[in-house]
Amino acid sequence: MGNKFGGFGGFGGGGNMQAMMRQAQKLQQDAMRAKEELDESEFEGSASGELVKVVINGKFEMVSVSIKPEAVDPDDVEMLEDLVVAAFNDAKSKADKMKQEKLGAFGGLI
């Protein structure tokens, strides 16, 4: 009654397991490197013909805001607030898309 699959219940020898572990570690390192690169990247979003621009990094932290004077109406502050939110959401959408493109292949390793 010998085991026709070799040692370890059919999973092969220790050499194959070590190679798989090395490959998994390399994949995780590649994923972490890609995440760090994305975290340091900047993404610009804009609203209303670039009256308002927002720059965020890959961690979704706001880096800068640029508001053209013609966007400022003291009688309609709510519109300006909406433009800032829209510009931020535009930048976040671009960052999300890039993260999916770069990190989607790593399937939750990070």
Protein backbone atom coordinates (compact mmCIF):
# COMPACT_ATOMS: atom_id res chain seq x y z
CA MET A 1 0.00 0.00 0.00
CA GLY A 2 2.47 2.60 -1.12
CA ASN A 3 1.56 6.20 -1.75
CA LYS A 4 1.82 6.73 -5.50
CA PHE A 5 2.04 10.52 -5.08
CA GLY A 6 5.26 10.60 -3.11
CA GLY A 7 5.76 12.12 0.32
CA PHE A 8 3.52 14.64 2.08
CA GLY A 9 0.22 13.23 0.89
CA GLY A 10 0.61 14.08 -2.78
CA PHE A 11 2.03 17.60 -2.48
CA GLY A 12 5.45 16.65 -3.78
CA GLY A 13 8.78 16.98 -2.08
CA GLY A 14 10.08 19.82 0.06
CA GLY A 15 11.92 21.39 -2.90
CA ASN A 16 8.66 22.17 -4.69
CA MET A 17 7.18 23.66 -1.56
CA GLN A 18 10.25 25.87 -1.06
CA ALA A 19 10.04 27.06 -4.66
CA MET A 20 6.36 27.88 -4.20
CA MET A 21 7.13 29.80 -1.01
CA ARG A 22 9.87 31.79 -2.76
CA GLN A 23 7.50 32.59 -5.60
CA ALA A 24 4.78 33.69 -3.17
CA GLN A 25 7.26 35.89 -1.27
CA LYS A 26 8.42 37.50 -4.52
CA LEU A 27 4.84 38.11 -5.58
CA GLN A 28 4.07 39.73 -2.23
CA GLN A 29 7.20 41.91 -2.47
CA ASP A 30 6.21 42.98 -5.99
CA ALA A 31 2.72 43.84 -4.75
CA MET A 32 4.09 45.88 -1.85
CA ARG A 33 6.48 47.72 -4.18
CA ALA A 34 3.60 48.53 -6.56
CA LYS A 35 1.45 49.75 -3.65
CA GLU A 36 4.23 51.99 -2.34
CA GLU A 37 4.72 53.43 -5.82
CA LEU A 38 1.00 54.14 -6.11
CA ASP A 39 0.83 55.65 -2.62
CA GLU A 40 3.51 58.14 -3.68
CA SER A 41 1.82 58.95 -7.02
CA GLU A 42 -0.29 62.05 -7.44
CA PHE A 43 -3.67 62.27 -9.17
CA GLU A 44 -5.32 65.49 -10.32
CA GLY A 45 -9.04 65.97 -10.51
CA SER A 46 -10.95 68.98 -11.71
CA ALA A 47 -14.44 70.39 -11.85
CA SER A 48 -16.31 72.90 -13.98
CA GLY A 49 -13.75 73.33 -16.72
CA GLU A 50 -10.82 73.30 -14.29
CA LEU A 51 -12.17 76.18 -12.18
CA VAL A 52 -11.26 73.95 -9.25
CA LYS A 53 -8.41 71.43 -9.24
CA VAL A 54 -7.52 69.00 -6.49
CA VAL A 55 -4.39 66.87 -6.28
CA ILE A 56 -4.35 63.78 -4.06
CA ASN A 57 -1.79 61.06 -3.47
CA GLY A 58 -2.41 57.33 -3.71
CA LYS A 59 -3.42 57.23 -0.06
CA PHE A 60 -6.27 59.63 -0.93
CA GLU A 61 -4.67 62.43 1.07
CA MET A 62 -5.22 65.87 -0.43
CA VAL A 63 -1.93 67.41 -1.58
CA SER A 64 -3.21 70.69 -3.03
CA VAL A 65 -6.27 72.66 -4.09
CA SER A 66 -6.34 75.29 -6.82
CA ILE A 67 -9.34 77.60 -7.18
CA LYS A 68 -9.61 80.15 -9.97
CA PRO A 69 -10.93 83.54 -8.83
CA GLU A 70 -13.98 83.33 -11.10
CA ALA A 71 -15.12 80.27 -9.14
CA VAL A 72 -15.46 82.35 -5.99
CA ASP A 73 -18.89 83.89 -5.54
CA PRO A 74 -19.47 85.14 -1.97
CA ASP A 75 -23.21 84.81 -2.55
CA ASP A 76 -22.92 81.16 -3.56
CA VAL A 77 -20.35 79.47 -1.32
CA GLU A 78 -22.26 76.20 -1.62
CA MET A 79 -21.42 76.00 -5.34
CA LEU A 80 -17.70 76.36 -4.58
CA GLU A 81 -17.95 73.66 -1.93
CA ASP A 82 -19.64 71.38 -4.47
CA LEU A 83 -16.87 72.07 -7.00
CA VAL A 84 -14.18 71.12 -4.48
CA VAL A 85 -16.00 67.89 -3.69
CA ALA A 86 -16.45 67.12 -7.40
CA ALA A 87 -12.76 67.78 -8.12
CA PHE A 88 -11.73 65.54 -5.22
CA ASN A 89 -14.03 62.77 -6.41
CA ASP A 90 -12.59 63.08 -9.93
CA ALA A 91 -9.05 62.70 -8.57
CA LYS A 92 -10.12 59.75 -6.39
CA SER A 93 -11.74 58.05 -9.37
CA LYS A 94 -8.46 58.34 -11.30
CA ALA A 95 -6.50 56.98 -8.34
CA ASP A 96 -8.95 54.08 -7.91
CA LYS A 97 -8.66 53.19 -11.60
CA MET A 98 -4.86 53.21 -11.47
CA LYS A 99 -4.84 51.11 -8.29
CA GLN A 100 -7.14 48.55 -9.89
CA GLU A 101 -4.94 48.40 -12.98
CA LYS A 102 -1.70 48.05 -11.02
CA LEU A 103 -2.81 46.02 -8.01
CA GLY A 104 -5.79 44.03 -9.30
CA ALA A 105 -3.49 41.30 -10.54
CA PHE A 106 -2.18 40.73 -7.01
CA GLY A 107 -5.62 39.70 -5.78
CA GLY A 108 -5.61 40.87 -2.18
CA LEU A 109 -1.98 40.20 -1.27
CA ILE A 110 -1.77 43.71 0.16
